[in-house]
Amino acid sequence: MARIGTSELDVFPLSLGGNVFGWTADKETSFAILDAYVAAGGNFIDTADVYSSWVEGNSGGESETIIGEWMEARGNRDDLVIATKVSNHPLRQGLGAANIAAAAEDSLRRLRTDRIDLYYTHFDKPETPVAETLGAYDVLVKAGKVRHIAASNMSPERLTESLDTSAREGLASYVAVQPHYNLVSRDTYEGPIADIAAARGLSAIPYYGLASGFLTGKYRPGTTVDSARAGGAGKHLDTPRGLAVLKALDEVAEGHGAELATVALAWLAAKPTVAAPIASARTVGQLPALVALADLKLTDEDVAKLDAASA
């Protein structure tokens, strides 16, 4: 298990991404994926109120609804750490106090629970003062509806201002960041955000840990992959970095008898500030390579090889 920042939340080293629930995984498949994840020892599920509003016929909240129905059916809420997000639902845009209060109630209702373990600022809204946002979170924490808060897609300046405001005003404070971070996308996190996380005791819980599937190794020159994410993943084949990373992943994976996806996630897990990378599975068959992260520890040489290939 990994501890998230300064919280008391102990989580499985792989967070199961819920973005596919209600999108590329229907309810029955989603239940099966969630069952298999828990059976493998998993307890950390990531979703957002906006998932999956981009799908025709959806309005947002579909992922939370599926997770809520599953938890109710299984009676396992107390065994789980549930993370969701606010600011980007089509009907709950922004980080104003009233919107956060309403969005949290919506998420609690869909999740069929009385508390959110980790509540993220999904996308920062610079027009809203950080004190207003943090004050709204503080009300939720004091009411027991949210246990801890975290930030995703936030600038170093706003993150620092938020942490300083929380400390000065005695408000709930971010314990984690959720950056876009993987072997072919390192620039968003490495640098100021990672430095702040290390200095202030925040954990990183990276999203796009497998670069939309590119780091599974199924995307190769001359291949065609039938996936809703093929466009986002395939673009890395056109870059020297992408091809170099695949070569290094092949070599490290062969040395451990592991899947490429497992190695790519293990590289993230080896980074000092990372608590648990996020990855999603749209079929039960994709899950074993993800949860195998818990049993794979890369050597210093492995990490150095992957670092060099992805530089």
C-alpha atoms as a PDB file:
ATOM      1  CA  MET A   1       0.000   0.000   0.000  1.00  0.00           C
ATOM      2  CA  ALA A   2       1.020   3.607  -0.576  1.00  0.00           C
ATOM      3  CA  ARG A   3       0.172   6.587   1.651  1.00  0.00           C
ATOM      4  CA  ILE A   4      -1.289   9.667  -0.072  1.00  0.00           C
ATOM      5  CA  GLY A   5       0.579  12.776   1.012  1.00  0.00           C
ATOM      6  CA  THR A   6      -0.075  13.877   4.585  1.00  0.00           C
ATOM      7  CA  SER A   7      -3.426  12.055   4.702  1.00  0.00           C
ATOM      8  CA  GLU A   8      -4.245   8.754   6.379  1.00  0.00           C
ATOM      9  CA  LEU A   9      -5.358   7.255   3.044  1.00  0.00           C
ATOM     10  CA  ASP A  10      -3.486   4.036   2.215  1.00  0.00           C
ATOM     11  CA  VAL A  11      -4.040   2.883  -1.348  1.00  0.00           C
ATOM     12  CA  PHE A  12      -3.183   0.055  -3.713  1.00  0.00           C
ATOM     13  CA  PRO A  13      -0.278   1.151  -5.959  1.00  0.00           C
ATOM     14  CA  LEU A  14      -2.531   1.165  -9.057  1.00  0.00           C
ATOM     15  CA  SER A  15      -5.560   3.444  -9.118  1.00  0.00           C
ATOM     16  CA  LEU A  16      -8.327   2.108 -11.359  1.00  0.00           C
ATOM     17  CA  GLY A  17      -9.484   4.783 -13.773  1.00  0.00           C
ATOM     18  CA  GLY A  18     -13.259   5.082 -14.067  1.00  0.00           C
ATOM     19  CA  ASN A  19     -13.319   7.206 -17.224  1.00  0.00           C
ATOM     20  CA  VAL A  20     -14.290   4.178 -19.347  1.00  0.00           C
ATOM     21  CA  PHE A  21     -17.349   3.272 -17.256  1.00  0.00           C
ATOM     22  CA  GLY A  22     -20.408   4.269 -19.232  1.00  0.00           C
ATOM     23  CA  TRP A  23     -18.240   4.922 -22.299  1.00  0.00           C
ATOM     24  CA  THR A  24     -16.233   2.007 -23.727  1.00  0.00           C
ATOM     25  CA  ALA A  25     -17.304  -0.293 -20.873  1.00  0.00           C
ATOM     26  CA  ASP A  26     -21.029  -0.824 -20.289  1.00  0.00           C
ATOM     27  CA  LYS A  27     -22.483  -1.427 -16.830  1.00  0.00           C
ATOM     28  CA  GLU A  28     -22.060  -5.211 -16.863  1.00  0.00           C
ATOM     29  CA  THR A  29     -18.464  -4.996 -18.080  1.00  0.00           C
ATOM     30  CA  SER A  30     -17.707  -2.208 -15.606  1.00  0.00           C
ATOM     31  CA  PHE A  31     -18.981  -4.348 -12.717  1.00  0.00           C
ATOM     32  CA  ALA A  32     -16.772  -7.229 -13.871  1.00  0.00           C
ATOM     33  CA  ILE A  33     -13.699  -4.960 -14.107  1.00  0.00           C
ATOM     34  CA  LEU A  34     -14.340  -3.512 -10.662  1.00  0.00           C
ATOM     35  CA  ASP A  35     -14.828  -6.994  -9.200  1.00  0.00           C
ATOM     36  CA  ALA A  36     -11.563  -8.209 -10.726  1.00  0.00           C
ATOM     37  CA  TYR A  37      -9.651  -5.141  -9.500  1.00  0.00           C
ATOM     38  CA  VAL A  38     -10.832  -5.646  -5.916  1.00  0.00           C
ATOM     39  CA  ALA A  39     -10.129  -9.378  -6.124  1.00  0.00           C
ATOM     40  CA  ALA A  40      -6.536  -8.493  -7.028  1.00  0.00           C
ATOM     41  CA  GLY A  41      -6.203  -6.373  -3.902  1.00  0.00           C
ATOM     42  CA  GLY A  42      -7.190  -3.014  -5.366  1.00  0.00           C
ATOM     43  CA  ASN A  43      -8.988  -0.362  -3.320  1.00  0.00           C
ATOM     44  CA  PHE A  44      -8.401   2.991  -5.090  1.00  0.00           C
ATOM     45  CA  ILE A  45     -10.932   4.069  -7.739  1.00  0.00           C
ATOM     46  CA  ASP A  46     -10.707   7.334  -9.663  1.00  0.00           C
ATOM     47  CA  THR A  47     -13.635   9.012 -11.395  1.00  0.00           C
ATOM     48  CA  ALA A  48     -15.063  12.494 -12.076  1.00  0.00           C
ATOM     49  CA  ASP A  49     -18.484  14.084 -12.244  1.00  0.00           C
ATOM     50  CA  VAL A  50     -17.958  14.886 -15.939  1.00  0.00           C
ATOM     51  CA  TYR A  51     -17.321  11.223 -16.982  1.00  0.00           C
ATOM     52  CA  SER A  52     -18.582  10.533 -19.626  1.00  0.00           C
ATOM     53  CA  SER A  53     -20.472  13.561 -20.897  1.00  0.00           C
ATOM     54  CA  TRP A  54     -18.606  13.488 -24.224  1.00  0.00           C
ATOM     55  CA  VAL A  55     -20.457  10.343 -25.303  1.00  0.00           C
ATOM     56  CA  GLU A  56     -23.579  10.877 -27.397  1.00  0.00           C
ATOM     57  CA  GLY A  57     -26.622  10.382 -25.199  1.00  0.00           C
ATOM     58  CA  ASN A  58     -24.691  10.893 -21.944  1.00  0.00           C
ATOM     59  CA  SER A  59     -24.965  13.963 -19.736  1.00  0.00           C
ATOM     60  CA  GLY A  60     -22.133  13.392 -17.243  1.00  0.00           C
ATOM     61  CA  GLY A  61     -22.120  11.373 -14.036  1.00  0.00           C
ATOM     62  CA  GLU A  62     -22.429   8.001 -15.766  1.00  0.00           C
ATOM     63  CA  SER A  63     -19.171   6.696 -14.293  1.00  0.00           C
ATOM     64  CA  GLU A  64     -20.046   7.787 -10.755  1.00  0.00           C
ATOM     65  CA  THR A  65     -23.485   6.184 -11.120  1.00  0.00           C
ATOM     66  CA  ILE A  66     -22.040   2.832 -12.184  1.00  0.00           C
ATOM     67  CA  ILE A  67     -19.478   2.869  -9.359  1.00  0.00           C
ATOM     68  CA  GLY A  68     -22.198   3.784  -6.861  1.00  0.00           C
ATOM     69  CA  GLU A  69     -24.495   0.988  -8.014  1.00  0.00           C
ATOM     70  CA  TRP A  70     -21.606  -1.479  -7.869  1.00  0.00           C
ATOM     71  CA  MET A  71     -20.571  -0.452  -4.348  1.00  0.00           C
ATOM     72  CA  GLU A  72     -24.160  -0.714  -3.153  1.00  0.00           C
ATOM     73  CA  ALA A  73     -24.555  -4.161  -4.731  1.00  0.00           C
ATOM     74  CA  ARG A  74     -21.300  -5.425  -3.243  1.00  0.00           C
ATOM     75  CA  GLY A  75     -21.614  -3.686   0.149  1.00  0.00           C
ATOM     76  CA  ASN A  76     -17.926  -2.789   0.062  1.00  0.00           C
ATOM     77  CA  ARG A  77     -17.855   1.008   0.401  1.00  0.00           C
ATOM     78  CA  ASP A  78     -15.814   0.953   3.609  1.00  0.00           C
ATOM     79  CA  ASP A  79     -13.056  -1.065   1.925  1.00  0.00           C
ATOM     80  CA  LEU A  80     -12.479   1.512  -0.819  1.00  0.00           C
ATOM     81  CA  VAL A  81     -10.854   4.882  -1.409  1.00  0.00           C
ATOM     82  CA  ILE A  82     -13.036   6.799  -3.856  1.00  0.00           C
ATOM     83  CA  ALA A  83     -11.720   9.851  -5.698  1.00  0.00           C
ATOM     84  CA  THR A  84     -13.871  12.118  -7.831  1.00  0.00           C
ATOM     85  CA  LYS A  85     -13.585  15.635  -9.239  1.00  0.00           C
ATOM     86  CA  VAL A  86     -15.394  18.946  -9.594  1.00  0.00           C
ATOM     87  CA  SER A  87     -15.409  21.978 -11.948  1.00  0.00           C
ATOM     88  CA  ASN A  88     -16.063  20.500 -15.392  1.00  0.00           C
ATOM     89  CA  HIS A  89     -19.518  18.846 -15.390  1.00  0.00           C
ATOM     90  CA  PRO A  90     -21.680  20.488 -18.084  1.00  0.00           C
ATOM     91  CA  LEU A  91     -24.210  21.618 -15.470  1.00  0.00           C
ATOM     92  CA  ARG A  92     -21.728  22.221 -12.640  1.00  0.00           C
ATOM     93  CA  GLN A  93     -18.995  24.353 -14.174  1.00  0.00           C
ATOM     94  CA  GLY A  94     -16.566  26.253 -11.985  1.00  0.00           C
ATOM     95  CA  LEU A  95     -14.998  26.431  -8.551  1.00  0.00           C
ATOM     96  CA  GLY A  96     -17.286  28.940  -6.859  1.00  0.00           C
ATOM     97  CA  ALA A  97     -18.551  27.998  -3.407  1.00  0.00           C
ATOM     98  CA  ALA A  98     -22.158  27.415  -4.457  1.00  0.00           C
ATOM     99  CA  ASN A  99     -21.165  25.232  -7.392  1.00  0.00           C
ATOM    100  CA  ILE A 100     -18.808  23.089  -5.324  1.00  0.00           C
ATOM    101  CA  ALA A 101     -21.497  22.542  -2.691  1.00  0.00           C
ATOM    102  CA  ALA A 102     -24.068  21.517  -5.316  1.00  0.00           C
ATOM    103  CA  ALA A 103     -21.643  19.371  -7.337  1.00  0.00           C
ATOM    104  CA  ALA A 104     -20.520  17.493  -4.228  1.00  0.00           C
ATOM    105  CA  GLU A 105     -24.125  16.639  -3.355  1.00  0.00           C
ATOM    106  CA  ASP A 106     -24.660  15.415  -6.933  1.00  0.00           C
ATOM    107  CA  SER A 107     -21.568  13.203  -6.731  1.00  0.00           C
ATOM    108  CA  LEU A 108     -22.522  11.815  -3.325  1.00  0.00           C
ATOM    109  CA  ARG A 109     -25.957  10.929  -4.626  1.00  0.00           C
ATOM    110  CA  ARG A 110     -24.646   9.207  -7.741  1.00  0.00           C
ATOM    111  CA  LEU A 111     -21.961   7.368  -5.771  1.00  0.00           C
ATOM    112  CA  ARG A 112     -24.580   6.314  -3.184  1.00  0.00           C
ATOM    113  CA  THR A 113     -22.251   7.231  -0.352  1.00  0.00           C
ATOM    114  CA  ASP A 114     -22.017   9.739   2.474  1.00  0.00           C
ATOM    115  CA  ARG A 115     -18.422  10.814   1.834  1.00  0.00           C
ATOM    116  CA  ILE A 116     -15.821  11.307  -0.894  1.00  0.00           C
ATOM    117  CA  ASP A 117     -12.357  10.191   0.173  1.00  0.00           C
ATOM    118  CA  LEU A 118     -10.388  12.400  -2.227  1.00  0.00           C
ATOM    119  CA  TYR A 119     -12.078  15.359  -3.947  1.00  0.00           C
ATOM    120  CA  TYR A 120     -10.158  16.986  -6.785  1.00  0.00           C
ATOM    121  CA  THR A 121     -10.190  20.375  -8.367  1.00  0.00           C
ATOM    122  CA  HIS A 122     -10.462  18.881 -11.871  1.00  0.00           C
ATOM    123  CA  PHE A 123      -9.562  21.975 -13.903  1.00  0.00           C
ATOM    124  CA  ASP A 124      -8.529  25.198 -12.241  1.00  0.00           C
ATOM    125  CA  LYS A 125     -10.662  28.293 -12.877  1.00  0.00           C
ATOM    126  CA  PRO A 126      -8.354  31.294 -12.393  1.00  0.00           C
ATOM    127  CA  GLU A 127     -11.298  33.705 -12.257  1.00  0.00           C
ATOM    128  CA  THR A 128     -12.276  32.236  -8.859  1.00  0.00           C
ATOM    129  CA  PRO A 129     -10.174  33.271  -5.834  1.00  0.00           C
ATOM    130  CA  VAL A 130      -8.458  30.270  -4.278  1.00  0.00           C
ATOM    131  CA  ALA A 131      -9.774  31.311  -0.863  1.00  0.00           C
ATOM    132  CA  GLU A 132     -13.370  30.874  -2.052  1.00  0.00           C
ATOM    133  CA  THR A 133     -12.671  27.427  -3.466  1.00  0.00           C
ATOM    134  CA  LEU A 134     -10.759  26.260  -0.411  1.00  0.00           C
ATOM    135  CA  GLY A 135     -13.400  27.678   1.898  1.00  0.00           C
ATOM    136  CA  ALA A 136     -16.049  25.615   0.111  1.00  0.00           C
ATOM    137  CA  TYR A 137     -13.912  22.493   0.438  1.00  0.00           C
ATOM    138  CA  ASP A 138     -13.325  23.246   4.114  1.00  0.00           C
ATOM    139  CA  VAL A 139     -17.076  23.304   4.751  1.00  0.00           C
ATOM    140  CA  LEU A 140     -17.394  19.877   3.100  1.00  0.00           C
ATOM    141  CA  VAL A 141     -14.480  18.467   5.123  1.00  0.00           C
ATOM    142  CA  LYS A 142     -15.842  19.783   8.405  1.00  0.00           C
ATOM    143  CA  ALA A 143     -19.247  18.246   7.524  1.00  0.00           C
ATOM    144  CA  GLY A 144     -17.616  14.857   6.915  1.00  0.00           C
ATOM    145  CA  LYS A 145     -18.712  14.803   3.272  1.00  0.00           C
ATOM    146  CA  VAL A 146     -15.131  15.005   1.969  1.00  0.00           C
ATOM    147  CA  ARG A 147     -12.107  13.518   3.703  1.00  0.00           C
ATOM    148  CA  HIS A 148      -9.277  15.140   1.732  1.00  0.00           C
ATOM    149  CA  ILE A 149      -8.812  17.412  -1.282  1.00  0.00           C
ATOM    150  CA  ALA A 150      -6.410  17.349  -4.206  1.00  0.00           C
ATOM    151  CA  ALA A 151      -5.654  19.279  -7.395  1.00  0.00           C
ATOM    152  CA  SER A 152      -5.441  18.342 -11.055  1.00  0.00           C
ATOM    153  CA  ASN A 153      -4.513  20.559 -14.022  1.00  0.00           C
ATOM    154  CA  MET A 154      -3.353  23.511 -11.920  1.00  0.00           C
ATOM    155  CA  SER A 155      -0.452  25.886 -12.541  1.00  0.00           C
ATOM    156  CA  PRO A 156       2.495  25.956 -10.133  1.00  0.00           C
ATOM    157  CA  GLU A 157       1.571  29.514  -9.153  1.00  0.00           C
ATOM    158  CA  ARG A 158      -2.034  28.714  -8.294  1.00  0.00           C
ATOM    159  CA  LEU A 159      -1.039  25.509  -6.510  1.00  0.00           C
ATOM    160  CA  THR A 160       1.456  27.404  -4.349  1.00  0.00           C
ATOM    161  CA  GLU A 161      -1.080  30.151  -3.651  1.00  0.00           C
ATOM    162  CA  SER A 162      -3.631  27.518  -2.647  1.00  0.00           C
ATOM    163  CA  LEU A 163      -1.252  25.731  -0.277  1.00  0.00           C
ATOM    164  CA  ASP A 164      -0.164  29.016   1.278  1.00  0.00           C
ATOM    165  CA  THR A 165      -3.775  30.174   1.689  1.00  0.00           C
ATOM    166  CA  SER A 166      -4.773  26.904   3.365  1.00  0.00           C
ATOM    167  CA  ALA A 167      -1.864  27.182   5.797  1.00  0.00           C
ATOM    168  CA  ARG A 168      -2.504  30.841   6.562  1.00  0.00           C
ATOM    169  CA  GLU A 169      -6.294  30.591   6.930  1.00  0.00           C
ATOM    170  CA  GLY A 170      -6.455  27.161   8.545  1.00  0.00           C
ATOM    171  CA  LEU A 171      -8.459  25.690   5.648  1.00  0.00           C
ATOM    172  CA  ALA A 172      -8.497  22.216   4.147  1.00  0.00           C
ATOM    173  CA  SER A 173      -5.322  21.752   2.117  1.00  0.00           C
ATOM    174  CA  TYR A 174      -4.443  19.755  -0.987  1.00  0.00           C
ATOM    175  CA  VAL A 175      -2.693  16.473  -0.181  1.00  0.00           C
ATOM    176  CA  ALA A 176      -2.085  15.332  -3.768  1.00  0.00           C
ATOM    177  CA  VAL A 177      -1.804  16.421  -7.368  1.00  0.00           C
ATOM    178  CA  GLN A 178      -3.023  14.552 -10.419  1.00  0.00           C
ATOM    179  CA  PRO A 179      -0.776  15.436 -13.359  1.00  0.00           C
ATOM    180  CA  HIS A 180      -0.643  14.244 -16.951  1.00  0.00           C
ATOM    181  CA  TYR A 181       2.517  12.161 -16.631  1.00  0.00           C
ATOM    182  CA  ASN A 182       3.960   9.143 -18.407  1.00  0.00           C
ATOM    183  CA  LEU A 183       7.038   7.985 -20.292  1.00  0.00           C
ATOM    184  CA  VAL A 184       6.181   9.989 -23.418  1.00  0.00           C
ATOM    185  CA  SER A 185       4.743  13.027 -21.591  1.00  0.00           C
ATOM    186  CA  ARG A 186       7.102  14.107 -18.838  1.00  0.00           C
ATOM    187  CA  ASP A 187       7.219  17.878 -19.222  1.00  0.00           C
ATOM    188  CA  THR A 188       3.840  18.689 -17.636  1.00  0.00           C
ATOM    189  CA  TYR A 189       4.830  17.284 -14.256  1.00  0.00           C
ATOM    190  CA  GLU A 190       8.606  17.188 -14.007  1.00  0.00           C
ATOM    191  CA  GLY A 191       9.788  20.632 -12.978  1.00  0.00           C
ATOM    192  CA  PRO A 192       7.840  23.141 -10.860  1.00  0.00           C
ATOM    193  CA  ILE A 193       4.840  20.934 -10.000  1.00  0.00           C
ATOM    194  CA  ALA A 194       7.011  17.978  -8.991  1.00  0.00           C
ATOM    195  CA  ASP A 195       9.235  20.312  -6.983  1.00  0.00           C
ATOM    196  CA  ILE A 196       6.225  21.718  -5.110  1.00  0.00           C
ATOM    197  CA  ALA A 197       4.915  18.212  -4.428  1.00  0.00           C
ATOM    198  CA  ALA A 198       8.268  17.103  -3.028  1.00  0.00           C
ATOM    199  CA  ALA A 199       8.742  20.232  -0.906  1.00  0.00           C
ATOM    200  CA  ARG A 200       5.206  20.351   0.488  1.00  0.00           C
ATOM    201  CA  GLY A 201       4.618  16.634   1.075  1.00  0.00           C
ATOM    202  CA  LEU A 202       2.058  16.088  -1.702  1.00  0.00           C
ATOM    203  CA  SER A 203       1.696  12.808  -3.571  1.00  0.00           C
ATOM    204  CA  ALA A 204       1.343  12.558  -7.333  1.00  0.00           C
ATOM    205  CA  ILE A 205      -1.368  10.351  -8.802  1.00  0.00           C
ATOM    206  CA  PRO A 206      -0.649  10.564 -12.535  1.00  0.00           C
ATOM    207  CA  TYR A 207      -3.331  10.242 -15.195  1.00  0.00           C
ATOM    208  CA  TYR A 208      -2.752   8.970 -18.752  1.00  0.00           C
ATOM    209  CA  GLY A 209      -0.203   6.642 -17.142  1.00  0.00           C
ATOM    210  CA  LEU A 210      -0.225   4.497 -20.300  1.00  0.00           C
ATOM    211  CA  ALA A 211      -0.514   7.393 -22.776  1.00  0.00           C
ATOM    212  CA  SER A 212      -4.000   6.351 -23.933  1.00  0.00           C
ATOM    213  CA  GLY A 213      -2.731   2.804 -24.476  1.00  0.00           C
ATOM    214  CA  PHE A 214       0.449   3.587 -26.428  1.00  0.00           C
ATOM    215  CA  LEU A 215       2.647   2.252 -23.623  1.00  0.00           C
ATOM    216  CA  THR A 216       0.954  -1.147 -23.698  1.00  0.00           C
ATOM    217  CA  GLY A 217       3.010  -1.885 -26.818  1.00  0.00           C
ATOM    218  CA  LYS A 218       0.023  -2.707 -29.027  1.00  0.00           C
ATOM    219  CA  TYR A 219       0.711   0.358 -31.169  1.00  0.00           C
ATOM    220  CA  ARG A 220       3.575  -0.380 -33.556  1.00  0.00           C
ATOM    221  CA  PRO A 221       4.596   1.028 -36.948  1.00  0.00           C
ATOM    222  CA  GLY A 222       2.303  -0.407 -39.606  1.00  0.00           C
ATOM    223  CA  THR A 223      -0.360  -1.656 -37.182  1.00  0.00           C
ATOM    224  CA  THR A 224      -3.976  -0.582 -36.816  1.00  0.00           C
ATOM    225  CA  VAL A 225      -5.678  -0.704 -33.416  1.00  0.00           C
ATOM    226  CA  ASP A 226      -9.448  -0.689 -32.973  1.00  0.00           C
ATOM    227  CA  SER A 227      -9.819   1.632 -29.987  1.00  0.00           C
ATOM    228  CA  ALA A 228     -11.652   4.834 -29.122  1.00  0.00           C
ATOM    229  CA  ARG A 229      -8.250   6.182 -28.079  1.00  0.00           C
ATOM    230  CA  ALA A 230      -6.287   5.113 -31.151  1.00  0.00           C
ATOM    231  CA  GLY A 231      -5.796   8.660 -32.381  1.00  0.00           C
ATOM    232  CA  GLY A 232      -4.331   9.894 -29.122  1.00  0.00           C
ATOM    233  CA  ALA A 233      -2.089   6.881 -28.685  1.00  0.00           C
ATOM    234  CA  GLY A 234      -0.960   6.482 -32.298  1.00  0.00           C
ATOM    235  CA  LYS A 235       0.516   9.976 -32.534  1.00  0.00           C
ATOM    236  CA  HIS A 236       3.492   8.854 -30.439  1.00  0.00           C
ATOM    237  CA  LEU A 237       4.592   6.498 -33.228  1.00  0.00           C
ATOM    238  CA  ASP A 238       5.608   9.539 -35.247  1.00  0.00           C
ATOM    239  CA  THR A 239       8.128  10.763 -32.678  1.00  0.00           C
ATOM    240  CA  PRO A 240      11.703   9.608 -31.993  1.00  0.00           C
ATOM    241  CA  ARG A 241      10.869   9.606 -28.282  1.00  0.00           C
ATOM    242  CA  GLY A 242       7.920   7.277 -28.773  1.00  0.00           C
ATOM    243  CA  LEU A 243       9.923   4.720 -30.738  1.00  0.00           C
ATOM    244  CA  ALA A 244      12.861   4.903 -28.315  1.00  0.00           C
ATOM    245  CA  VAL A 245      10.536   4.346 -25.373  1.00  0.00           C
ATOM    246  CA  LEU A 246       8.973   1.277 -27.006  1.00  0.00           C
ATOM    247  CA  LYS A 247      12.430  -0.198 -27.590  1.00  0.00           C
ATOM    248  CA  ALA A 248      13.468   0.375 -23.978  1.00  0.00           C
ATOM    249  CA  LEU A 249      10.161  -0.987 -22.676  1.00  0.00           C
ATOM    250  CA  ASP A 250      10.615  -4.127 -24.783  1.00  0.00           C
ATOM    251  CA  GLU A 251      14.067  -4.694 -23.276  1.00  0.00           C
ATOM    252  CA  VAL A 252      13.071  -4.071 -19.659  1.00  0.00           C
ATOM    253  CA  ALA A 253       9.875  -6.098 -19.989  1.00  0.00           C
ATOM    254  CA  GLU A 254      11.777  -9.041 -21.424  1.00  0.00           C
ATOM    255  CA  GLY A 255      14.212  -8.909 -18.517  1.00  0.00           C
ATOM    256  CA  HIS A 256      11.391  -9.218 -16.010  1.00  0.00           C
ATOM    257  CA  GLY A 257       9.048 -11.451 -17.997  1.00  0.00           C
ATOM    258  CA  ALA A 258       6.493  -8.662 -17.658  1.00  0.00           C
ATOM    259  CA  GLU A 259       3.992  -6.874 -19.879  1.00  0.00           C
ATOM    260  CA  LEU A 260       4.996  -3.484 -21.308  1.00  0.00           C
ATOM    261  CA  ALA A 261       2.064  -1.817 -19.552  1.00  0.00           C
ATOM    262  CA  THR A 262       3.260  -3.131 -16.197  1.00  0.00           C
ATOM    263  CA  VAL A 263       6.768  -1.783 -16.787  1.00  0.00           C
ATOM    264  CA  ALA A 264       5.474   1.634 -17.899  1.00  0.00           C
ATOM    265  CA  LEU A 265       3.394   1.937 -14.729  1.00  0.00           C
ATOM    266  CA  ALA A 266       6.264   0.639 -12.583  1.00  0.00           C
ATOM    267  CA  TRP A 267       8.476   3.422 -13.980  1.00  0.00           C
ATOM    268  CA  LEU A 268       5.942   5.954 -12.701  1.00  0.00           C
ATOM    269  CA  ALA A 269       5.665   4.192  -9.347  1.00  0.00           C
ATOM    270  CA  ALA A 270       9.456   4.381  -8.976  1.00  0.00           C
ATOM    271  CA  LYS A 271       9.372   8.186  -9.008  1.00  0.00           C
ATOM    272  CA  PRO A 272       9.777   9.623  -5.500  1.00  0.00           C
ATOM    273  CA  THR A 273       6.544  11.633  -5.324  1.00  0.00           C
ATOM    274  CA  VAL A 274       4.240   9.133  -7.076  1.00  0.00           C
ATOM    275  CA  ALA A 275       1.796   7.238  -4.846  1.00  0.00           C
ATOM    276  CA  ALA A 276      -0.279   5.398  -7.456  1.00  0.00           C
ATOM    277  CA  PRO A 277      -0.572   5.937 -11.206  1.00  0.00           C
ATOM    278  CA  ILE A 278      -4.032   5.750 -12.752  1.00  0.00           C
ATOM    279  CA  ALA A 279      -4.859   3.344 -15.562  1.00  0.00           C
ATOM    280  CA  SER A 280      -8.173   2.130 -16.915  1.00  0.00           C
ATOM    281  CA  ALA A 281      -9.275  -1.164 -18.439  1.00  0.00           C
ATOM    282  CA  ARG A 282     -12.204  -1.480 -20.827  1.00  0.00           C
ATOM    283  CA  THR A 283     -12.160  -5.278 -20.561  1.00  0.00           C
ATOM    284  CA  VAL A 284     -11.355  -7.662 -17.714  1.00  0.00           C
ATOM    285  CA  GLY A 285      -8.600  -9.100 -19.876  1.00  0.00           C
ATOM    286  CA  GLN A 286      -6.703  -5.814 -19.807  1.00  0.00           C
ATOM    287  CA  LEU A 287      -6.616  -5.688 -16.012  1.00  0.00           C
ATOM    288  CA  PRO A 288      -3.922  -8.261 -15.060  1.00  0.00           C
ATOM    289  CA  ALA A 289      -1.126  -6.239 -16.672  1.00  0.00           C
ATOM    290  CA  LEU A 290      -2.206  -3.192 -14.663  1.00  0.00           C
ATOM    291  CA  VAL A 291      -2.515  -4.743 -11.199  1.00  0.00           C
ATOM    292  CA  ALA A 292       0.761  -6.635 -11.759  1.00  0.00           C
ATOM    293  CA  LEU A 293       2.388  -3.297 -10.938  1.00  0.00           C
ATOM    294  CA  ALA A 294       2.032  -4.235  -7.272  1.00  0.00           C
ATOM    295  CA  ASP A 295       4.516  -7.097  -7.727  1.00  0.00           C
ATOM    296  CA  LEU A 296       7.077  -5.468 -10.038  1.00  0.00           C
ATOM    297  CA  LYS A 297       9.966  -3.390  -8.723  1.00  0.00           C
ATOM    298  CA  LEU A 298      12.302  -2.017 -11.352  1.00  0.00           C
ATOM    299  CA  THR A 299      16.056  -1.884 -10.760  1.00  0.00           C
ATOM    300  CA  ASP A 300      17.941   1.403 -10.810  1.00  0.00           C
ATOM    301  CA  GLU A 301      19.343   0.332 -14.173  1.00  0.00           C
ATOM    302  CA  ASP A 302      15.845  -0.273 -15.551  1.00  0.00           C
ATOM    303  CA  VAL A 303      14.695   3.178 -14.458  1.00  0.00           C
ATOM    304  CA  ALA A 304      17.831   4.812 -15.896  1.00  0.00           C
ATOM    305  CA  LYS A 305      17.291   3.075 -19.243  1.00  0.00           C
ATOM    306  CA  LEU A 306      13.681   4.256 -19.430  1.00  0.00           C
ATOM    307  CA  ASP A 307      14.676   7.744 -18.268  1.00  0.00           C
ATOM    308  CA  ALA A 308      17.228   8.016 -21.062  1.00  0.00           C
ATOM    309  CA  ALA A 309      14.858   6.707 -23.753  1.00  0.00           C
ATOM    310  CA  SER A 310      12.123   9.129 -22.718  1.00  0.00           C
ATOM    311  CA  ALA A 311      14.297  12.197 -22.163  1.00  0.00           C
END
